Amino acid sequence: MNSAEPIQHAEQALCQIFSGIDTQVKKNLRRVLTALHRHKVGVHHFAEVTGYGHGDLGRDTLDQVFAEVMGAEAAAVRVQFVSGTHAIACALFGVLRPGDEMLAVAGAPYDTLEEVIGLRGKNQGSLMEYGVRYRQLELTPEGTIDWQGLAQAVGPDTRLVHIQRSCGYSWRSSLAIADIEKIVHLVKQQNPNTVCFVDNCYGEFVEEQEPTAVGADLIAGSLIKNPGGTLAPAGGYVAGRAEWVEAASYRLTAPGIGTSGGATFNQNRLLFQGLFLAPQMVGEAMKGNHLVAHVFQQLGYAVNPLPDAPRRDVIQAIQLSSPEKIMAFCRAIQQWSPIGHTSARFLPPCPAMKANW
C-alpha cells in the first residue's frame, strides 16, 4: 500500500466533517470580524505605549474586542500572563478570600494547578495556605460529570466553582458548551452568589459560543494556544463579568492598578492579528485531530475522541502503549517539521520506528 493511501482514505471518509468545520470557522470568523469592525480597529491601535503603559489605546481596544468575541462584559488580554496557569491563578486569587470554598466539579484540575490550590508543595502562598478550603466532585466511572452529585454539592460557603473545559491530560471526554451551561444552571440554583469559573484552555473557537456567553462568570486561558492564532508570542487572558475581570487583574498587577497598567512591548499587532486568524487555525487543528484519530484507529490504536466524535477542544489522545513508539512518533513529527529537521539525524536510532512505518 502506498504510504499516502491511509491519509487519502481518511480524508474521503471525513469530508462531511471537514465541511462542517469550514462552516463553523466562517461563523466564528464573522464573530471576530464584527467585533473588530464595531470597535473601528485601525493601524493606530498597533502602536506601543512604554513605561507604565497607561493610556494604551490598542491594549484597551483589544480588551473590548476580545470581550465581545467571548460574549463577556469585559476582558483583560495581557502579555504579562506567562501561561494559562498564571491567568487561572490570577482569576482564583482575585475571587477567593480566606474562609471561602472552592469546588472543582469536573474532577481533578490540571496537575499544574495542584500547587496553586495547595494540594502539592508547601510555603508557596497557595490558596489553602491563605485559608481557602478545597473540594472536588469526582467524575463518574464513565468519565462524565456527576450530575446527581452536582445538584447537591454547592454549599453556602462555596464561593467559586471550578470547571475545566478540556480533558487535558486525562482519558475522558471534554466538556461541551451545553455541559457548561447545565453546570452553571445547577450551581446558580443552589447558590446564586457562587462564581462559576471556567478554565477555557484548548477550547476557544471549537464551538460557536464561549462559556461566558452561556452564563459563566469568569473564564481564563492562554494566548499561546487557540486565541493567539499561532502568532501571539506570549500572554493570556481573563474575560467575564467586569467586577471579576478587574479583581483578577489586581492579582496580575496590583490593587488600584488593575487593567489600567502594563506595557504591551509592541505586541498589539500580533495579538490583534492572532485573534483574527484564531478561528481558522483552530479549524485546521480540529481537522488534523479528526484525521489523526481516523488513521491511528485504522492502525489498531485506541484514540480519544473517536474519529467521528464532535470536537470540544483541540486535544487528541492516542494510546501508543510503549516508550519506543512514543519516541518513534516524536521522531516522525520532527522529521517532517519545517524547522529543526536536520537535528533528527542526531537522535539515537529506534528499532520501533522502522516497524511502525
Protein backbone atom coordinates (compact mmCIF):
# COMPACT_ATOMS: atom_id res chain seq x y z
CA MET A 1 0.00 0.00 0.00
CA ASN A 2 1.22 3.49 -0.84
CA SER A 3 2.10 5.33 2.37
CA ALA A 4 -0.22 8.17 1.35
CA GLU A 5 -3.28 5.94 0.85
CA PRO A 6 -4.38 5.79 4.53
CA ILE A 7 -4.38 9.60 4.62
CA GLN A 8 -6.34 9.83 1.37
CA HIS A 9 -8.90 7.30 2.59
CA ALA A 10 -9.25 9.18 5.89
CA GLU A 11 -9.78 12.50 4.10
CA GLN A 12 -12.52 10.94 1.96
CA ALA A 13 -14.23 9.41 4.99
CA LEU A 14 -14.10 12.70 6.87
CA CYS A 15 -15.09 15.07 4.06
CA GLN A 16 -18.51 15.85 5.54
CA ILE A 17 -16.99 16.56 8.97
CA PHE A 18 -14.38 18.81 7.35
CA SER A 19 -17.14 20.69 5.53
CA GLY A 20 -18.95 21.23 8.81
CA ILE A 21 -15.78 22.59 10.39
CA ASP A 22 -15.36 25.02 7.48
CA THR A 23 -18.90 26.29 8.07
CA GLN A 24 -18.20 26.78 11.77
CA VAL A 25 -14.94 28.60 11.03
CA LYS A 26 -16.86 31.07 8.90
CA LYS A 27 -19.33 31.73 11.73
CA ASN A 28 -16.57 32.26 14.29
CA LEU A 29 -14.61 34.45 11.88
CA ARG A 30 -17.72 36.57 11.35
CA ARG A 31 -17.94 36.97 15.14
CA VAL A 32 -14.36 38.23 15.26
CA LEU A 33 -14.76 40.49 12.22
CA THR A 34 -17.95 42.02 13.64
CA ALA A 35 -16.14 42.91 16.86
CA LEU A 36 -13.13 44.37 15.01
CA HIS A 37 -15.43 46.48 12.84
CA ARG A 38 -17.61 47.63 15.72
CA HIS A 39 -14.60 48.93 17.63
CA LYS A 40 -13.09 50.51 14.50
CA VAL A 41 -9.71 48.84 14.85
CA GLY A 42 -7.03 50.60 12.79
CA VAL A 43 -3.27 50.76 12.43
CA HIS A 44 -3.11 53.33 15.25
CA HIS A 45 -4.09 50.54 17.64
CA PHE A 46 -0.83 48.73 16.87
CA ALA A 47 1.38 51.43 18.41
CA GLU A 48 3.04 50.61 21.71
CA VAL A 49 3.00 52.56 24.94
CA THR A 50 6.12 52.10 27.04
CA GLY A 51 6.80 52.77 30.70
CA TYR A 52 3.81 52.12 32.92
CA GLY A 53 1.60 51.50 29.90
CA HIS A 54 -1.05 54.00 30.95
CA GLY A 55 -3.44 55.08 28.23
CA ASP A 56 -2.64 52.26 25.79
CA LEU A 57 -5.45 52.66 23.24
CA GLY A 58 -4.53 49.45 21.42
CA ARG A 59 -4.49 47.36 24.58
CA ASP A 60 -7.79 48.78 25.81
CA THR A 61 -9.45 48.28 22.42
CA LEU A 62 -8.19 44.71 22.22
CA ASP A 63 -9.80 44.09 25.61
CA GLN A 64 -13.12 45.38 24.27
CA VAL A 65 -12.89 43.35 21.07
CA PHE A 66 -11.97 40.21 23.00
CA ALA A 67 -14.83 40.70 25.44
CA GLU A 68 -17.34 40.98 22.60
CA VAL A 69 -15.97 37.90 20.86
CA MET A 70 -16.22 35.94 24.11
CA GLY A 71 -19.73 37.17 24.89
CA ALA A 72 -18.47 38.82 28.08
CA GLU A 73 -18.82 42.18 29.82
CA ALA A 74 -15.07 42.74 29.97
CA ALA A 75 -11.72 41.14 29.26
CA ALA A 76 -8.06 41.65 30.05
CA VAL A 77 -5.66 40.38 27.39
CA ARG A 78 -2.07 40.70 28.59
CA VAL A 79 1.38 39.58 27.53
CA GLN A 80 2.27 39.67 31.24
CA PHE A 81 0.34 36.44 31.81
CA VAL A 82 3.15 33.90 31.46
CA SER A 83 0.80 30.95 30.85
CA GLY A 84 -2.74 29.72 31.10
CA THR A 85 -1.97 28.53 34.63
CA HIS A 86 -0.90 32.05 35.55
CA ALA A 87 -4.13 33.55 34.18
CA ILE A 88 -6.17 30.91 36.03
CA ALA A 89 -4.26 31.57 39.27
CA CYS A 90 -4.94 35.31 38.99
CA ALA A 91 -8.63 34.59 38.48
CA LEU A 92 -8.80 32.27 41.50
CA PHE A 93 -6.87 34.60 43.80
CA GLY A 94 -8.95 37.52 42.56
CA VAL A 95 -12.24 35.92 43.61
CA LEU A 96 -11.39 33.77 46.63
CA ARG A 97 -10.81 35.03 50.18
CA PRO A 98 -9.90 33.30 53.48
CA GLY A 99 -12.78 31.13 54.64
CA ASP A 100 -14.18 30.67 51.14
CA GLU A 101 -14.58 27.30 49.50
CA MET A 102 -13.50 26.33 46.01
CA LEU A 103 -15.29 23.38 44.44
CA ALA A 104 -13.91 21.63 41.33
CA VAL A 105 -16.85 19.92 39.62
CA ALA A 106 -15.08 18.17 36.72
CA GLY A 107 -12.74 16.03 38.78
CA ALA A 108 -9.14 16.92 39.49
CA PRO A 109 -7.84 20.02 37.65
CA TYR A 110 -4.60 20.02 35.67
CA ASP A 111 -1.62 19.00 37.78
CA THR A 112 -0.14 22.47 37.18
CA LEU A 113 -2.89 23.83 39.45
CA GLU A 114 -2.09 21.50 42.34
CA GLU A 115 0.48 23.90 43.75
CA VAL A 116 -1.79 26.89 43.16
CA ILE A 117 -4.55 25.20 45.16
CA GLY A 118 -2.18 23.76 47.77
CA LEU A 119 -2.58 20.07 47.05
CA ARG A 120 1.16 19.80 46.44
CA GLY A 121 4.08 21.84 47.72
CA LYS A 122 4.48 23.93 50.86
CA ASN A 123 5.22 27.55 51.74
CA GLN A 124 4.42 28.79 48.25
CA GLY A 125 1.47 31.00 49.11
CA SER A 126 -1.16 28.62 47.80
CA LEU A 127 -4.90 29.16 48.18
CA MET A 128 -5.09 26.62 51.00
CA GLU A 129 -2.28 28.38 52.84
CA TYR A 130 -4.41 31.54 52.72
CA GLY A 131 -7.35 29.72 54.28
CA VAL A 132 -9.31 28.74 51.19
CA ARG A 133 -10.95 25.34 51.51
CA TYR A 134 -11.00 22.97 48.57
CA ARG A 135 -13.28 20.14 47.49
CA GLN A 136 -13.66 18.28 44.24
CA LEU A 137 -16.55 16.37 42.75
CA GLU A 138 -15.20 13.24 41.13
CA LEU A 139 -16.28 12.23 37.66
CA THR A 140 -18.41 9.14 37.13
CA PRO A 141 -16.66 5.86 36.20
CA GLU A 142 -17.55 6.72 32.59
CA GLY A 143 -15.61 9.98 32.88
CA THR A 144 -18.63 12.30 32.82
CA ILE A 145 -19.97 14.93 35.21
CA ASP A 146 -21.74 13.51 38.26
CA TRP A 147 -24.95 15.43 37.62
CA GLN A 148 -26.77 13.95 40.59
CA GLY A 149 -23.91 14.81 42.92
CA LEU A 150 -23.54 18.28 41.46
CA ALA A 151 -27.20 19.05 42.14
CA GLN A 152 -26.42 18.84 45.88
CA ALA A 153 -22.73 19.79 46.00
CA VAL A 154 -22.80 23.59 46.28
CA GLY A 155 -22.98 24.97 49.81
CA PRO A 156 -23.49 28.46 51.30
CA ASP A 157 -19.71 28.97 51.58
CA THR A 158 -18.93 27.72 48.06
CA ARG A 159 -17.56 30.96 46.67
CA LEU A 160 -16.23 29.57 43.40
CA VAL A 161 -16.92 26.54 41.23
CA HIS A 162 -14.03 25.50 39.01
CA ILE A 163 -14.99 23.97 35.65
CA GLN A 164 -12.24 22.55 33.47
CA ARG A 165 -13.49 22.57 29.89
CA SER A 166 -10.79 20.38 28.36
CA CYS A 167 -9.91 16.80 29.24
CA GLY A 168 -6.32 18.00 29.40
CA TYR A 169 -4.06 15.06 30.13
CA SER A 170 -6.76 12.61 31.22
CA TRP A 171 -8.51 9.96 29.14
CA ARG A 172 -12.06 11.30 29.22
CA SER A 173 -14.45 13.41 27.19
CA SER A 174 -14.02 17.17 27.31
CA LEU A 175 -17.00 19.34 28.19
CA ALA A 176 -19.28 20.77 25.54
CA ILE A 177 -20.65 24.30 25.87
CA ALA A 178 -24.04 22.70 26.56
CA ASP A 179 -22.48 20.81 29.50
CA ILE A 180 -21.01 24.03 30.91
CA GLU A 181 -24.35 25.81 30.56
CA LYS A 182 -26.03 22.99 32.51
CA ILE A 183 -23.36 23.13 35.23
CA VAL A 184 -23.80 26.89 35.63
CA HIS A 185 -27.59 26.49 35.84
CA LEU A 186 -27.34 23.82 38.56
CA VAL A 187 -24.79 25.82 40.55
CA LYS A 188 -26.78 29.05 40.43
CA GLN A 189 -29.92 27.21 41.52
CA GLN A 190 -28.17 26.19 44.73
CA ASN A 191 -26.25 29.42 45.39
CA PRO A 192 -26.73 32.43 43.08
CA ASN A 193 -23.66 34.10 44.62
CA THR A 194 -21.26 31.32 43.67
CA VAL A 195 -18.86 32.41 40.94
CA CYS A 196 -18.74 29.96 38.04
CA PHE A 197 -15.18 29.96 36.69
CA VAL A 198 -14.16 28.06 33.56
CA ASP A 199 -10.63 27.05 32.62
CA ASN A 200 -11.10 27.68 28.90
CA CYS A 201 -7.68 26.45 27.72
CA TYR A 202 -7.73 24.47 24.44
CA GLY A 203 -11.45 25.19 23.94
CA GLU A 204 -11.68 28.64 22.34
CA PHE A 205 -13.41 28.74 18.91
CA VAL A 206 -14.05 25.00 18.91
CA GLU A 207 -17.77 25.76 19.17
CA GLU A 208 -19.80 28.79 18.17
CA GLN A 209 -20.06 30.16 21.72
CA GLU A 210 -17.75 30.53 24.68
CA PRO A 211 -18.66 29.74 28.33
CA THR A 212 -19.24 33.41 29.17
CA ALA A 213 -21.99 33.51 26.54
CA VAL A 214 -23.93 30.80 28.41
CA GLY A 215 -23.66 32.16 31.95
CA ALA A 216 -20.11 31.58 33.21
CA ASP A 217 -18.96 34.48 35.39
CA LEU A 218 -15.26 34.28 34.53
CA ILE A 219 -13.02 32.38 32.12
CA ALA A 220 -9.27 32.31 31.58
CA GLY A 221 -6.85 30.88 29.05
CA SER A 222 -3.56 31.18 27.21
CA LEU A 223 -2.81 33.14 24.05
CA ILE A 224 -0.13 30.61 23.14
CA LYS A 225 -3.00 28.19 22.48
CA ASN A 226 -6.18 28.78 20.48
CA PRO A 227 -6.94 32.53 20.71
CA GLY A 228 -3.40 33.57 19.78
CA GLY A 229 -3.85 32.12 16.31
CA THR A 230 -0.24 30.79 16.35
CA LEU A 231 1.06 34.40 16.24
CA ALA A 232 0.85 35.63 19.82
CA PRO A 233 4.36 35.20 21.25
CA ALA A 234 3.17 35.05 24.87
CA GLY A 235 0.32 36.02 27.12
CA GLY A 236 -3.09 35.03 28.38
CA TYR A 237 -6.50 36.46 29.12
CA VAL A 238 -9.36 36.62 31.56
CA ALA A 239 -12.91 37.51 30.48
CA GLY A 240 -16.32 37.64 32.07
CA ARG A 241 -18.22 39.92 34.40
CA ALA A 242 -16.43 43.25 34.72
CA GLU A 243 -16.00 43.06 38.51
CA TRP A 244 -14.30 39.67 38.35
CA VAL A 245 -12.06 40.61 35.43
CA GLU A 246 -10.87 43.63 37.41
CA ALA A 247 -10.41 41.51 40.54
CA ALA A 248 -8.23 39.07 38.58
CA SER A 249 -6.22 41.96 37.11
CA TYR A 250 -5.45 43.22 40.64
CA ARG A 251 -3.58 39.96 41.19
CA LEU A 252 -1.68 40.37 37.92
CA THR A 253 -0.63 43.96 38.65
CA ALA A 254 -1.65 45.49 42.00
CA PRO A 255 -4.77 46.73 43.77
CA GLY A 256 -5.55 50.18 42.40
CA ILE A 257 -3.78 49.49 39.10
CA GLY A 258 -5.70 46.54 37.70
CA THR A 259 -6.31 46.74 33.95
CA SER A 260 -5.10 50.33 33.60
CA GLY A 261 -1.38 49.49 33.55
CA GLY A 262 1.04 47.22 31.76
CA ALA A 263 3.14 47.91 28.68
CA THR A 264 2.42 45.74 25.65
CA PHE A 265 6.02 45.75 24.32
CA ASN A 266 4.97 46.42 20.73
CA GLN A 267 2.92 43.22 20.56
CA ASN A 268 -0.51 44.74 19.89
CA ARG A 269 -0.44 43.99 16.15
CA LEU A 270 0.38 40.32 16.67
CA LEU A 271 -2.34 39.96 19.30
CA PHE A 272 -4.96 41.51 17.02
CA GLN A 273 -3.75 39.50 14.04
CA GLY A 274 -3.61 36.28 16.05
CA LEU A 275 -7.19 36.78 17.22
CA PHE A 276 -8.27 37.34 13.61
CA LEU A 277 -6.57 34.10 12.50
CA ALA A 278 -7.67 32.07 15.53
CA PRO A 279 -10.93 30.62 14.13
CA GLN A 280 -9.14 29.32 11.03
CA MET A 281 -6.16 27.95 12.97
CA VAL A 282 -8.47 26.16 15.41
CA GLY A 283 -10.45 24.75 12.48
CA GLU A 284 -7.30 23.34 10.91
CA ALA A 285 -6.28 21.82 14.25
CA MET A 286 -9.69 20.17 14.54
CA LYS A 287 -9.36 18.70 11.04
CA GLY A 288 -5.91 17.40 11.90
CA ASN A 289 -7.24 15.73 15.03
CA HIS A 290 -10.05 14.01 13.15
CA LEU A 291 -7.52 12.82 10.58
CA VAL A 292 -5.03 11.54 13.15
CA ALA A 293 -7.78 9.78 15.09
CA HIS A 294 -9.06 8.07 11.94
CA VAL A 295 -5.66 6.89 10.73
CA PHE A 296 -4.44 5.63 14.11
CA GLN A 297 -7.71 3.87 14.83
CA GLN A 298 -7.39 2.06 11.48
CA LEU A 299 -3.89 1.02 12.57
CA GLY A 300 -5.36 -0.55 15.72
CA TYR A 301 -4.61 2.10 18.33
CA ALA A 302 -7.07 3.40 20.92
CA VAL A 303 -7.90 7.07 20.33
CA ASN A 304 -9.87 9.68 22.27
CA PRO A 305 -12.03 11.32 20.96
CA LEU A 306 -13.09 8.86 18.27
CA PRO A 307 -12.66 9.95 14.63
CA ASP A 308 -16.28 10.97 14.08
CA ALA A 309 -16.94 12.34 17.58
CA PRO A 310 -17.77 16.07 17.94
CA ARG A 311 -14.75 18.14 18.97
CA ARG A 312 -14.93 20.02 22.27
CA ASP A 313 -11.30 21.14 22.39
CA VAL A 314 -8.15 20.73 20.29
CA ILE A 315 -6.81 17.75 22.26
CA GLN A 316 -6.43 14.37 20.56
CA ALA A 317 -5.12 11.43 22.58
CA ILE A 318 -3.60 8.24 21.17
CA GLN A 319 -2.54 5.24 23.23
CA LEU A 320 0.76 4.18 21.68
CA SER A 321 1.39 1.79 24.61
CA SER A 322 5.18 1.84 24.69
CA PRO A 323 8.03 4.36 25.17
CA GLU A 324 9.61 3.19 21.91
CA LYS A 325 6.51 4.00 19.89
CA ILE A 326 6.20 7.40 21.52
CA MET A 327 9.82 8.14 20.60
CA ALA A 328 9.20 6.94 17.05
CA PHE A 329 6.15 9.17 16.79
CA CYS A 330 8.15 12.19 18.01
CA ARG A 331 10.96 11.44 15.56
CA ALA A 332 8.48 11.25 12.69
CA ILE A 333 6.99 14.63 13.63
CA GLN A 334 10.47 16.10 13.83
CA GLN A 335 11.50 14.57 10.52
CA TRP A 336 8.64 16.28 8.66
CA SER A 337 8.73 19.58 10.54
CA PRO A 338 9.88 22.69 8.64
CA ILE A 339 12.22 23.79 11.46
CA GLY A 340 14.77 21.59 13.20
CA HIS A 341 14.50 18.83 10.60
CA THR A 342 18.25 18.15 10.38
CA SER A 343 18.54 17.58 14.13
CA ALA A 344 16.51 14.37 13.75
CA ARG A 345 19.58 12.59 12.39
CA PHE A 346 21.38 13.11 15.70
CA LEU A 347 18.79 11.22 17.73
CA PRO A 348 19.74 7.62 18.57
CA PRO A 349 18.11 5.07 16.26
CA CYS A 350 14.88 3.48 17.44
CA PRO A 351 14.04 -0.08 16.23
CA ALA A 352 10.31 0.61 16.66
CA MET A 353 10.47 3.40 14.11
CA LYS A 354 11.06 1.08 11.15
CA ALA A 355 8.43 -1.34 12.44
CA ASN A 356 5.80 1.38 12.61
CA TRP A 357 6.31 2.80 9.13
